[in-house]
Amino acid sequence: MPSRLPALLRALGWRADATSHTEKLISALGAFCALSAVWVATHWALPSEAALWVVASTGASAVLLFAVPHGPLSQPWAVLGGQLISAFVGISCQKLLPDQPLTPALAVALAILAMHYARCIHPPGGATALTCVVAGPGIHALGYQFLLTPVLLNLAVILLVAVLFNGLFPWRRYPAALARQPVPVTPPPGLAPEDVHYALRQMDSYLDIGFDDLLEIMQLAHRHAEQQRPHANAMLLGACYSNGQPGERWAIRQITGLPPKPPGRSAQAVYRVVAGSGAGSSGSCRLGELAAWAQFAVRRNERGWQRCSAEESQRAAGAAD
């Protein structure tokens, strides 16, 4: 059973979280400040029937604005457009098909469709559309006034708090257009922005990550990979190295010999291919060529090949022999 637990967690969508404890606490504090401000502002502006004036889906918007302030679903147009369009759709469905069994489902479905075409996908908008149908006579009596009070009033307050609060922390970005990119958003060598854009279009699915953010992640990953690449003078006898290539081009070579460097000639390396393309074969080349081919050292464990230091790879190979 314990061995099945990781697979079960992956199937459920559980994954590691790279955010710090500080970032988590800031997200919670931001949501607290925003919703407190919404409550105070709406009760001050609209004291009568105050319980109606804080839309429950505002809490869902707060999750996005303060937990993922850089995400496309959290940006001002997504929040304003998604909530207001969804509210309009929900009110219209209730007016045209009042108290029908499928009206709630129709309102949410049409809200999703409208948000897609308006380029303002915002998940809490679905809850707003549903609220307009199922909340009862008090909300129904407001009609399209519900768009202004409470929806627009709630949104204005929470967006103002999001801009002011997130602006206190240099690494938090809201709106994302105001962000100062720490590195130029250019793709790694061998790729052009058009290639990344093509790949995203091929997926034909809405991804909650900005195009520039994706390019930045790719560049940072490429920079890290370059820093981890082995140098010719650091390659060790017995260690295994992977070329890091995808699919059929993937291979792992183990250094089986490092002959003494002849005077006036380049250092040589003898290797055998232990996995991947050409497995079982052997060869020799200049040590510098092997270092240029290798992306990182690896060692074998019960799950396959794992990235490691050259020293760990050498020890693992020695133990296996």
C-alpha atoms as a PDB file:
ATOM      1  CA  MET A   1       0.000   0.000   0.000  1.00  0.00           C
ATOM      2  CA  PRO A   2       2.733   2.572   0.838  1.00  0.00           C
ATOM      3  CA  SER A   3       4.273   2.046  -2.629  1.00  0.00           C
ATOM      4  CA  ARG A   4       0.934   2.938  -4.233  1.00  0.00           C
ATOM      5  CA  LEU A   5       0.518   6.143  -2.266  1.00  0.00           C
ATOM      6  CA  PRO A   6       2.693   8.369  -4.536  1.00  0.00           C
ATOM      7  CA  ALA A   7       0.811   7.186  -7.632  1.00  0.00           C
ATOM      8  CA  LEU A   8      -2.519   7.824  -5.913  1.00  0.00           C
ATOM      9  CA  LEU A   9      -1.440  11.326  -4.878  1.00  0.00           C
ATOM     10  CA  ARG A  10      -0.309  12.117  -8.432  1.00  0.00           C
ATOM     11  CA  ALA A  11      -3.635  10.881  -9.791  1.00  0.00           C
ATOM     12  CA  LEU A  12      -5.448  13.186  -7.367  1.00  0.00           C
ATOM     13  CA  GLY A  13      -3.359  16.148  -8.514  1.00  0.00           C
ATOM     14  CA  TRP A  14      -1.251  16.519  -5.378  1.00  0.00           C
ATOM     15  CA  ARG A  15       2.176  17.936  -6.126  1.00  0.00           C
ATOM     16  CA  ALA A  16       5.135  19.545  -4.458  1.00  0.00           C
ATOM     17  CA  ASP A  17       4.835  23.254  -3.653  1.00  0.00           C
ATOM     18  CA  ALA A  18       7.862  25.482  -4.184  1.00  0.00           C
ATOM     19  CA  THR A  19       6.406  28.550  -2.439  1.00  0.00           C
ATOM     20  CA  SER A  20       7.957  29.581   0.870  1.00  0.00           C
ATOM     21  CA  HIS A  21       6.140  29.792   4.211  1.00  0.00           C
ATOM     22  CA  THR A  22       6.447  33.587   3.983  1.00  0.00           C
ATOM     23  CA  GLU A  23       4.663  33.628   0.627  1.00  0.00           C
ATOM     24  CA  LYS A  24       1.850  31.448   1.966  1.00  0.00           C
ATOM     25  CA  LEU A  25       1.338  33.717   4.976  1.00  0.00           C
ATOM     26  CA  ILE A  26       1.373  36.842   2.792  1.00  0.00           C
ATOM     27  CA  SER A  27      -1.306  35.305   0.559  1.00  0.00           C
ATOM     28  CA  ALA A  28      -3.529  34.607   3.553  1.00  0.00           C
ATOM     29  CA  LEU A  29      -2.963  38.075   5.014  1.00  0.00           C
ATOM     30  CA  GLY A  30      -3.773  39.713   1.681  1.00  0.00           C
ATOM     31  CA  ALA A  31      -7.049  37.835   1.381  1.00  0.00           C
ATOM     32  CA  PHE A  32      -7.959  38.794   4.960  1.00  0.00           C
ATOM     33  CA  CYS A  33      -7.295  42.481   4.297  1.00  0.00           C
ATOM     34  CA  ALA A  34      -9.188  42.466   0.999  1.00  0.00           C
ATOM     35  CA  LEU A  35     -12.333  40.742   2.242  1.00  0.00           C
ATOM     36  CA  SER A  36     -12.369  42.837   5.389  1.00  0.00           C
ATOM     37  CA  ALA A  37     -12.235  45.937   3.212  1.00  0.00           C
ATOM     38  CA  VAL A  38     -15.054  44.614   1.019  1.00  0.00           C
ATOM     39  CA  TRP A  39     -17.212  43.965   4.092  1.00  0.00           C
ATOM     40  CA  VAL A  40     -16.568  47.401   5.590  1.00  0.00           C
ATOM     41  CA  ALA A  41     -17.029  49.297   2.325  1.00  0.00           C
ATOM     42  CA  THR A  42     -20.246  47.569   1.321  1.00  0.00           C
ATOM     43  CA  HIS A  43     -21.817  47.872   4.769  1.00  0.00           C
ATOM     44  CA  TRP A  44     -20.896  51.548   4.874  1.00  0.00           C
ATOM     45  CA  ALA A  45     -22.184  52.284   1.368  1.00  0.00           C
ATOM     46  CA  LEU A  46     -25.230  50.028   1.478  1.00  0.00           C
ATOM     47  CA  PRO A  47     -26.363  49.637   5.089  1.00  0.00           C
ATOM     48  CA  SER A  48     -29.808  48.239   4.286  1.00  0.00           C
ATOM     49  CA  GLU A  49     -30.001  44.467   3.834  1.00  0.00           C
ATOM     50  CA  ALA A  50     -26.220  44.364   4.248  1.00  0.00           C
ATOM     51  CA  ALA A  51     -26.092  40.580   4.174  1.00  0.00           C
ATOM     52  CA  LEU A  52     -26.837  40.693   0.432  1.00  0.00           C
ATOM     53  CA  TRP A  53     -23.971  42.981  -0.448  1.00  0.00           C
ATOM     54  CA  VAL A  54     -20.957  40.695  -0.180  1.00  0.00           C
ATOM     55  CA  VAL A  55     -21.038  38.190  -3.035  1.00  0.00           C
ATOM     56  CA  ALA A  56     -19.704  34.800  -1.949  1.00  0.00           C
ATOM     57  CA  SER A  57     -17.678  34.405  -5.151  1.00  0.00           C
ATOM     58  CA  THR A  58     -15.599  37.424  -4.083  1.00  0.00           C
ATOM     59  CA  GLY A  59     -13.892  35.048  -1.674  1.00  0.00           C
ATOM     60  CA  ALA A  60     -12.929  32.803  -4.586  1.00  0.00           C
ATOM     61  CA  SER A  61     -11.547  35.827  -6.442  1.00  0.00           C
ATOM     62  CA  ALA A  62      -9.448  36.633  -3.369  1.00  0.00           C
ATOM     63  CA  VAL A  63      -7.778  33.215  -3.631  1.00  0.00           C
ATOM     64  CA  LEU A  64      -6.595  34.030  -7.144  1.00  0.00           C
ATOM     65  CA  LEU A  65      -5.649  37.655  -6.485  1.00  0.00           C
ATOM     66  CA  PHE A  66      -3.489  36.875  -3.464  1.00  0.00           C
ATOM     67  CA  ALA A  67      -2.370  33.253  -3.913  1.00  0.00           C
ATOM     68  CA  VAL A  68      -1.507  33.533  -7.638  1.00  0.00           C
ATOM     69  CA  PRO A  69      -1.383  37.285  -8.371  1.00  0.00           C
ATOM     70  CA  HIS A  70       0.749  36.716 -11.469  1.00  0.00           C
ATOM     71  CA  GLY A  71      -1.633  34.247 -13.150  1.00  0.00           C
ATOM     72  CA  PRO A  72      -3.737  35.141 -16.221  1.00  0.00           C
ATOM     73  CA  LEU A  73      -6.928  34.159 -14.354  1.00  0.00           C
ATOM     74  CA  SER A  74      -6.128  36.786 -11.705  1.00  0.00           C
ATOM     75  CA  GLN A  75      -5.525  39.842 -13.891  1.00  0.00           C
ATOM     76  CA  PRO A  76      -7.868  42.868 -13.712  1.00  0.00           C
ATOM     77  CA  TRP A  77      -9.653  42.178 -16.997  1.00  0.00           C
ATOM     78  CA  ALA A  78     -10.211  38.551 -16.032  1.00  0.00           C
ATOM     79  CA  VAL A  79     -11.641  39.612 -12.663  1.00  0.00           C
ATOM     80  CA  LEU A  80     -13.818  42.474 -13.923  1.00  0.00           C
ATOM     81  CA  GLY A  81     -14.893  40.925 -17.196  1.00  0.00           C
ATOM     82  CA  GLY A  82     -15.345  37.425 -15.831  1.00  0.00           C
ATOM     83  CA  GLN A  83     -17.445  38.498 -12.868  1.00  0.00           C
ATOM     84  CA  LEU A  84     -19.568  41.140 -14.619  1.00  0.00           C
ATOM     85  CA  ILE A  85     -20.217  39.102 -17.761  1.00  0.00           C
ATOM     86  CA  SER A  86     -21.116  36.064 -15.685  1.00  0.00           C
ATOM     87  CA  ALA A  87     -23.461  38.124 -13.537  1.00  0.00           C
ATOM     88  CA  PHE A  88     -25.148  39.525 -16.646  1.00  0.00           C
ATOM     89  CA  VAL A  89     -25.568  36.024 -18.076  1.00  0.00           C
ATOM     90  CA  GLY A  90     -26.949  34.677 -14.798  1.00  0.00           C
ATOM     91  CA  ILE A  91     -29.457  37.509 -14.406  1.00  0.00           C
ATOM     92  CA  SER A  92     -30.586  37.154 -18.025  1.00  0.00           C
ATOM     93  CA  CYS A  93     -31.089  33.396 -17.699  1.00  0.00           C
ATOM     94  CA  GLN A  94     -33.161  33.861 -14.548  1.00  0.00           C
ATOM     95  CA  LYS A  95     -35.332  36.490 -16.229  1.00  0.00           C
ATOM     96  CA  LEU A  96     -35.881  34.453 -19.390  1.00  0.00           C
ATOM     97  CA  LEU A  97     -36.249  31.020 -17.733  1.00  0.00           C
ATOM     98  CA  PRO A  98     -37.274  31.663 -14.126  1.00  0.00           C
ATOM     99  CA  ASP A  99     -37.339  28.727 -11.726  1.00  0.00           C
ATOM    100  CA  GLN A 100     -36.623  26.104 -14.388  1.00  0.00           C
ATOM    101  CA  PRO A 101     -34.660  22.988 -13.335  1.00  0.00           C
ATOM    102  CA  LEU A 102     -31.875  23.499 -15.871  1.00  0.00           C
ATOM    103  CA  THR A 103     -31.567  27.282 -15.570  1.00  0.00           C
ATOM    104  CA  PRO A 104     -28.632  27.131 -13.082  1.00  0.00           C
ATOM    105  CA  ALA A 105     -26.667  24.765 -15.323  1.00  0.00           C
ATOM    106  CA  LEU A 106     -27.444  26.853 -18.407  1.00  0.00           C
ATOM    107  CA  ALA A 107     -26.315  30.054 -16.678  1.00  0.00           C
ATOM    108  CA  VAL A 108     -22.920  28.601 -15.728  1.00  0.00           C
ATOM    109  CA  ALA A 109     -22.397  27.008 -19.150  1.00  0.00           C
ATOM    110  CA  LEU A 110     -23.185  30.240 -21.020  1.00  0.00           C
ATOM    111  CA  ALA A 111     -21.011  32.228 -18.620  1.00  0.00           C
ATOM    112  CA  ILE A 112     -18.067  29.946 -19.413  1.00  0.00           C
ATOM    113  CA  LEU A 113     -18.694  30.338 -23.138  1.00  0.00           C
ATOM    114  CA  ALA A 114     -18.924  34.123 -22.852  1.00  0.00           C
ATOM    115  CA  MET A 115     -15.752  34.348 -20.753  1.00  0.00           C
ATOM    116  CA  HIS A 116     -13.866  32.265 -23.307  1.00  0.00           C
ATOM    117  CA  TYR A 117     -14.786  34.580 -26.170  1.00  0.00           C
ATOM    118  CA  ALA A 118     -14.229  37.724 -24.096  1.00  0.00           C
ATOM    119  CA  ARG A 119     -10.799  36.409 -23.022  1.00  0.00           C
ATOM    120  CA  CYS A 120     -11.581  36.862 -19.353  1.00  0.00           C
ATOM    121  CA  ILE A 121     -11.709  33.344 -17.891  1.00  0.00           C
ATOM    122  CA  HIS A 122     -12.204  33.739 -14.142  1.00  0.00           C
ATOM    123  CA  PRO A 123     -13.472  30.637 -12.270  1.00  0.00           C
ATOM    124  CA  PRO A 124     -15.382  32.590  -9.577  1.00  0.00           C
ATOM    125  CA  GLY A 125     -17.499  34.000 -12.400  1.00  0.00           C
ATOM    126  CA  GLY A 126     -19.254  30.640 -12.625  1.00  0.00           C
ATOM    127  CA  ALA A 127     -20.227  30.943  -8.975  1.00  0.00           C
ATOM    128  CA  THR A 128     -21.543  34.465  -9.604  1.00  0.00           C
ATOM    129  CA  ALA A 129     -23.704  33.264 -12.501  1.00  0.00           C
ATOM    130  CA  LEU A 130     -25.058  30.479 -10.304  1.00  0.00           C
ATOM    131  CA  THR A 131     -25.756  32.917  -7.464  1.00  0.00           C
ATOM    132  CA  CYS A 132     -27.877  35.084  -9.747  1.00  0.00           C
ATOM    133  CA  VAL A 133     -30.176  32.111 -10.354  1.00  0.00           C
ATOM    134  CA  VAL A 134     -30.342  30.249  -7.041  1.00  0.00           C
ATOM    135  CA  ALA A 135     -29.868  33.007  -4.427  1.00  0.00           C
ATOM    136  CA  GLY A 136     -33.581  33.634  -4.001  1.00  0.00           C
ATOM    137  CA  PRO A 137     -36.123  36.447  -4.302  1.00  0.00           C
ATOM    138  CA  GLY A 138     -33.927  39.085  -2.659  1.00  0.00           C
ATOM    139  CA  ILE A 139     -31.315  38.840  -5.407  1.00  0.00           C
ATOM    140  CA  HIS A 140     -33.869  38.287  -8.168  1.00  0.00           C
ATOM    141  CA  ALA A 141     -35.624  41.518  -7.223  1.00  0.00           C
ATOM    142  CA  LEU A 142     -32.458  43.511  -7.864  1.00  0.00           C
ATOM    143  CA  GLY A 143     -32.398  42.527 -11.532  1.00  0.00           C
ATOM    144  CA  TYR A 144     -29.527  44.107 -13.437  1.00  0.00           C
ATOM    145  CA  GLN A 145     -28.873  46.434 -10.499  1.00  0.00           C
ATOM    146  CA  PHE A 146     -27.032  43.420  -9.059  1.00  0.00           C
ATOM    147  CA  LEU A 147     -24.252  44.142 -11.589  1.00  0.00           C
ATOM    148  CA  LEU A 148     -23.462  47.468  -9.902  1.00  0.00           C
ATOM    149  CA  THR A 149     -24.325  46.703  -6.311  1.00  0.00           C
ATOM    150  CA  PRO A 150     -22.938  44.491  -5.038  1.00  0.00           C
ATOM    151  CA  VAL A 151     -20.824  42.928  -7.835  1.00  0.00           C
ATOM    152  CA  LEU A 152     -19.001  45.966  -9.217  1.00  0.00           C
ATOM    153  CA  LEU A 153     -18.633  47.526  -5.776  1.00  0.00           C
ATOM    154  CA  ASN A 154     -17.071  44.319  -4.414  1.00  0.00           C
ATOM    155  CA  LEU A 155     -14.715  44.084  -7.385  1.00  0.00           C
ATOM    156  CA  ALA A 156     -13.575  47.698  -7.160  1.00  0.00           C
ATOM    157  CA  VAL A 157     -12.624  47.291  -3.514  1.00  0.00           C
ATOM    158  CA  ILE A 158     -10.855  43.953  -3.861  1.00  0.00           C
ATOM    159  CA  LEU A 159      -8.886  45.072  -6.929  1.00  0.00           C
ATOM    160  CA  LEU A 160      -7.776  48.256  -5.173  1.00  0.00           C
ATOM    161  CA  VAL A 161      -6.560  46.260  -2.173  1.00  0.00           C
ATOM    162  CA  ALA A 162      -4.820  43.761  -4.483  1.00  0.00           C
ATOM    163  CA  VAL A 163      -2.865  46.535  -6.238  1.00  0.00           C
ATOM    164  CA  LEU A 164      -1.878  48.258  -2.975  1.00  0.00           C
ATOM    165  CA  PHE A 165      -1.140  45.114  -0.946  1.00  0.00           C
ATOM    166  CA  ASN A 166       0.810  43.171  -3.580  1.00  0.00           C
ATOM    167  CA  GLY A 167       2.757  46.331  -4.401  1.00  0.00           C
ATOM    168  CA  LEU A 168       4.316  46.190  -0.927  1.00  0.00           C
ATOM    169  CA  PHE A 169       6.337  43.120  -1.923  1.00  0.00           C
ATOM    170  CA  PRO A 170       8.806  43.418  -4.831  1.00  0.00           C
ATOM    171  CA  TRP A 171       8.490  39.776  -5.865  1.00  0.00           C
ATOM    172  CA  ARG A 172       4.694  39.837  -6.067  1.00  0.00           C
ATOM    173  CA  ARG A 173       3.297  41.091  -9.333  1.00  0.00           C
ATOM    174  CA  TYR A 174      -0.092  42.701  -9.677  1.00  0.00           C
ATOM    175  CA  PRO A 175      -1.138  43.536 -12.278  1.00  0.00           C
ATOM    176  CA  ALA A 176       1.363  41.392 -14.155  1.00  0.00           C
ATOM    177  CA  ALA A 177       1.831  44.164 -16.743  1.00  0.00           C
ATOM    178  CA  LEU A 178       3.581  46.249 -14.069  1.00  0.00           C
ATOM    179  CA  ALA A 179       6.062  43.513 -13.283  1.00  0.00           C
ATOM    180  CA  ARG A 180       9.754  44.112 -13.805  1.00  0.00           C
ATOM    181  CA  GLN A 181      11.096  40.946 -15.386  1.00  0.00           C
ATOM    182  CA  PRO A 182      14.278  39.813 -13.598  1.00  0.00           C
ATOM    183  CA  VAL A 183      15.685  38.377 -16.831  1.00  0.00           C
ATOM    184  CA  PRO A 184      14.989  39.125 -20.519  1.00  0.00           C
ATOM    185  CA  VAL A 185      12.061  37.054 -21.697  1.00  0.00           C
ATOM    186  CA  THR A 186      13.838  35.323 -24.564  1.00  0.00           C
ATOM    187  CA  PRO A 187      13.747  31.582 -25.115  1.00  0.00           C
ATOM    188  CA  PRO A 188      16.805  29.348 -24.771  1.00  0.00           C
ATOM    189  CA  PRO A 189      19.108  28.932 -27.797  1.00  0.00           C
ATOM    190  CA  GLY A 190      17.509  26.871 -30.546  1.00  0.00           C
ATOM    191  CA  LEU A 191      13.991  28.106 -29.817  1.00  0.00           C
ATOM    192  CA  ALA A 192      12.174  31.222 -30.958  1.00  0.00           C
ATOM    193  CA  PRO A 193       9.090  32.790 -29.302  1.00  0.00           C
ATOM    194  CA  GLU A 194       7.116  31.626 -32.330  1.00  0.00           C
ATOM    195  CA  ASP A 195       8.038  28.022 -31.512  1.00  0.00           C
ATOM    196  CA  VAL A 196       6.678  28.356 -27.982  1.00  0.00           C
ATOM    197  CA  HIS A 197       3.524  30.044 -29.254  1.00  0.00           C
ATOM    198  CA  TYR A 198       3.021  27.228 -31.776  1.00  0.00           C
ATOM    199  CA  ALA A 199       3.417  24.596 -29.046  1.00  0.00           C
ATOM    200  CA  LEU A 200       0.818  26.319 -26.865  1.00  0.00           C
ATOM    201  CA  ARG A 201      -1.626  26.459 -29.770  1.00  0.00           C
ATOM    202  CA  GLN A 202      -1.104  22.764 -30.455  1.00  0.00           C
ATOM    203  CA  MET A 203      -2.165  21.943 -26.891  1.00  0.00           C
ATOM    204  CA  ASP A 204      -5.536  23.630 -27.552  1.00  0.00           C
ATOM    205  CA  SER A 205      -6.176  24.088 -23.837  1.00  0.00           C
ATOM    206  CA  TYR A 206      -6.363  27.131 -21.582  1.00  0.00           C
ATOM    207  CA  LEU A 207      -3.229  27.261 -19.422  1.00  0.00           C
ATOM    208  CA  ASP A 208      -3.008  29.442 -16.341  1.00  0.00           C
ATOM    209  CA  ILE A 209       0.435  30.818 -17.177  1.00  0.00           C
ATOM    210  CA  GLY A 210       1.426  33.894 -19.126  1.00  0.00           C
ATOM    211  CA  PHE A 211       3.427  33.623 -22.350  1.00  0.00           C
ATOM    212  CA  ASP A 212       6.258  35.794 -20.986  1.00  0.00           C
ATOM    213  CA  ASP A 213       6.258  33.805 -17.734  1.00  0.00           C
ATOM    214  CA  LEU A 214       6.668  30.579 -19.690  1.00  0.00           C
ATOM    215  CA  LEU A 215       9.599  32.006 -21.656  1.00  0.00           C
ATOM    216  CA  GLU A 216      11.194  33.187 -18.421  1.00  0.00           C
ATOM    217  CA  ILE A 217      10.838  29.742 -16.834  1.00  0.00           C
ATOM    218  CA  MET A 218      12.422  28.154 -19.891  1.00  0.00           C
ATOM    219  CA  GLN A 219      15.336  30.567 -19.821  1.00  0.00           C
ATOM    220  CA  LEU A 220      15.959  30.064 -16.096  1.00  0.00           C
ATOM    221  CA  ALA A 221      15.819  26.293 -16.572  1.00  0.00           C
ATOM    222  CA  HIS A 222      18.278  26.544 -19.469  1.00  0.00           C
ATOM    223  CA  ARG A 223      20.617  28.697 -17.392  1.00  0.00           C
ATOM    224  CA  HIS A 224      20.500  26.184 -14.533  1.00  0.00           C
ATOM    225  CA  ALA A 225      21.168  23.312 -16.934  1.00  0.00           C
ATOM    226  CA  GLU A 226      24.191  25.133 -18.370  1.00  0.00           C
ATOM    227  CA  GLN A 227      25.566  25.695 -14.877  1.00  0.00           C
ATOM    228  CA  GLN A 228      25.203  21.983 -14.093  1.00  0.00           C
ATOM    229  CA  ARG A 229      26.907  20.721 -17.255  1.00  0.00           C
ATOM    230  CA  PRO A 230      30.138  18.816 -16.559  1.00  0.00           C
ATOM    231  CA  HIS A 231      33.482  20.282 -17.588  1.00  0.00           C
ATOM    232  CA  ALA A 232      36.082  18.161 -19.334  1.00  0.00           C
ATOM    233  CA  ASN A 233      38.537  18.380 -16.440  1.00  0.00           C
ATOM    234  CA  ALA A 234      35.846  17.286 -13.946  1.00  0.00           C
ATOM    235  CA  MET A 235      34.666  14.120 -15.722  1.00  0.00           C
ATOM    236  CA  LEU A 236      35.435  10.985 -13.719  1.00  0.00           C
ATOM    237  CA  LEU A 237      36.402   7.458 -14.667  1.00  0.00           C
ATOM    238  CA  GLY A 238      33.461   5.093 -14.093  1.00  0.00           C
ATOM    239  CA  ALA A 239      30.845   7.843 -13.925  1.00  0.00           C
ATOM    240  CA  CYS A 240      27.785   7.749 -16.185  1.00  0.00           C
ATOM    241  CA  TYR A 241      26.583  10.770 -18.149  1.00  0.00           C
ATOM    242  CA  SER A 242      23.332  11.488 -19.977  1.00  0.00           C
ATOM    243  CA  ASN A 243      22.872  13.679 -23.044  1.00  0.00           C
ATOM    244  CA  GLY A 244      19.472  14.779 -21.713  1.00  0.00           C
ATOM    245  CA  GLN A 245      17.832  14.394 -25.122  1.00  0.00           C
ATOM    246  CA  PRO A 246      14.172  13.419 -25.551  1.00  0.00           C
ATOM    247  CA  GLY A 247      12.810  10.259 -27.099  1.00  0.00           C
ATOM    248  CA  GLU A 248      14.995   8.040 -29.280  1.00  0.00           C
ATOM    249  CA  ARG A 249      18.010  10.367 -29.063  1.00  0.00           C
ATOM    250  CA  TRP A 250      18.414   9.786 -25.310  1.00  0.00           C
ATOM    251  CA  ALA A 251      21.523   7.883 -24.284  1.00  0.00           C
ATOM    252  CA  ILE A 252      23.789   7.294 -21.308  1.00  0.00           C
ATOM    253  CA  ARG A 253      27.521   6.772 -21.605  1.00  0.00           C
ATOM    254  CA  GLN A 254      29.861   5.440 -18.938  1.00  0.00           C
ATOM    255  CA  ILE A 255      33.513   6.446 -19.045  1.00  0.00           C
ATOM    256  CA  THR A 256      35.541   3.231 -19.056  1.00  0.00           C
ATOM    257  CA  GLY A 257      38.952   4.692 -19.763  1.00  0.00           C
ATOM    258  CA  LEU A 258      40.878   7.954 -19.509  1.00  0.00           C
ATOM    259  CA  PRO A 259      44.226   7.287 -21.234  1.00  0.00           C
ATOM    260  CA  PRO A 260      47.156   9.534 -20.339  1.00  0.00           C
ATOM    261  CA  LYS A 261      47.178  12.682 -22.432  1.00  0.00           C
ATOM    262  CA  PRO A 262      49.847  12.424 -25.171  1.00  0.00           C
ATOM    263  CA  PRO A 263      52.103  15.479 -25.542  1.00  0.00           C
ATOM    264  CA  GLY A 264      50.636  18.010 -27.950  1.00  0.00           C
ATOM    265  CA  ARG A 265      47.343  16.138 -28.340  1.00  0.00           C
ATOM    266  CA  SER A 266      43.907  16.438 -26.795  1.00  0.00           C
ATOM    267  CA  ALA A 267      42.865  14.262 -23.869  1.00  0.00           C
ATOM    268  CA  GLN A 268      40.877  11.212 -24.919  1.00  0.00           C
ATOM    269  CA  ALA A 269      38.045   9.242 -23.283  1.00  0.00           C
ATOM    270  CA  VAL A 270      36.856   5.689 -23.824  1.00  0.00           C
ATOM    271  CA  TYR A 271      33.200   4.985 -23.110  1.00  0.00           C
ATOM    272  CA  ARG A 272      30.438   2.430 -23.466  1.00  0.00           C
ATOM    273  CA  VAL A 273      26.756   3.163 -24.020  1.00  0.00           C
ATOM    274  CA  VAL A 274      24.878   1.637 -21.092  1.00  0.00           C
ATOM    275  CA  ALA A 275      21.330   2.791 -21.935  1.00  0.00           C
ATOM    276  CA  GLY A 276      19.309   4.440 -24.664  1.00  0.00           C
ATOM    277  CA  SER A 277      20.307   4.882 -28.284  1.00  0.00           C
ATOM    278  CA  GLY A 278      23.200   2.576 -29.188  1.00  0.00           C
ATOM    279  CA  ALA A 279      23.078   0.657 -25.909  1.00  0.00           C
ATOM    280  CA  GLY A 280      25.809  -1.996 -25.730  1.00  0.00           C
ATOM    281  CA  SER A 281      28.175  -0.235 -28.102  1.00  0.00           C
ATOM    282  CA  SER A 282      31.412   1.477 -27.182  1.00  0.00           C
ATOM    283  CA  GLY A 283      33.650   4.162 -28.584  1.00  0.00           C
ATOM    284  CA  SER A 284      36.208   6.837 -27.928  1.00  0.00           C
ATOM    285  CA  CYS A 285      36.443  10.557 -28.538  1.00  0.00           C
ATOM    286  CA  ARG A 286      38.119  13.670 -27.298  1.00  0.00           C
ATOM    287  CA  LEU A 287      37.329  14.364 -23.674  1.00  0.00           C
ATOM    288  CA  GLY A 288      36.106  17.834 -24.632  1.00  0.00           C
ATOM    289  CA  GLU A 289      33.689  16.333 -27.170  1.00  0.00           C
ATOM    290  CA  LEU A 290      32.299  13.988 -24.537  1.00  0.00           C
ATOM    291  CA  ALA A 291      31.859  16.903 -22.123  1.00  0.00           C
ATOM    292  CA  ALA A 292      30.009  18.862 -24.834  1.00  0.00           C
ATOM    293  CA  TRP A 293      27.744  15.839 -25.443  1.00  0.00           C
ATOM    294  CA  ALA A 294      27.003  15.242 -21.758  1.00  0.00           C
ATOM    295  CA  GLN A 295      24.372  17.306 -19.976  1.00  0.00           C
ATOM    296  CA  PHE A 296      24.714  15.864 -16.464  1.00  0.00           C
ATOM    297  CA  ALA A 297      25.896  12.854 -14.505  1.00  0.00           C
ATOM    298  CA  VAL A 298      23.418  10.111 -13.571  1.00  0.00           C
ATOM    299  CA  ARG A 299      23.218   6.996 -11.438  1.00  0.00           C
ATOM    300  CA  ARG A 300      20.849   4.076 -11.601  1.00  0.00           C
ATOM    301  CA  ASN A 301      18.348   3.214  -8.880  1.00  0.00           C
ATOM    302  CA  GLU A 302      15.202   1.112  -8.595  1.00  0.00           C
ATOM    303  CA  ARG A 303      13.178   3.714 -10.536  1.00  0.00           C
ATOM    304  CA  GLY A 304      15.603   4.136 -13.425  1.00  0.00           C
ATOM    305  CA  TRP A 305      18.265   6.765 -14.030  1.00  0.00           C
ATOM    306  CA  GLN A 306      18.502   9.702 -11.653  1.00  0.00           C
ATOM    307  CA  ARG A 307      20.448  12.939 -12.012  1.00  0.00           C
ATOM    308  CA  CYS A 308      23.317  13.273  -9.507  1.00  0.00           C
ATOM    309  CA  SER A 309      26.852  14.556  -9.058  1.00  0.00           C
ATOM    310  CA  ALA A 310      29.744  12.930 -10.900  1.00  0.00           C
ATOM    311  CA  GLU A 311      31.132  11.665  -7.600  1.00  0.00           C
ATOM    312  CA  GLU A 312      27.822   9.964  -6.717  1.00  0.00           C
ATOM    313  CA  SER A 313      27.645   8.422 -10.175  1.00  0.00           C
ATOM    314  CA  GLN A 314      31.190   7.081  -9.833  1.00  0.00           C
ATOM    315  CA  ARG A 315      30.462   5.570  -6.398  1.00  0.00           C
ATOM    316  CA  ALA A 316      27.219   4.001  -7.630  1.00  0.00           C
ATOM    317  CA  ALA A 317      28.976   2.454 -10.627  1.00  0.00           C
ATOM    318  CA  GLY A 318      31.739   1.111  -8.380  1.00  0.00           C
ATOM    319  CA  ALA A 319      29.230  -0.444  -6.017  1.00  0.00           C
ATOM    320  CA  ALA A 320      27.365  -2.073  -8.923  1.00  0.00           C
ATOM    321  CA  ASP A 321      30.589  -3.596 -10.233  1.00  0.00           C
END
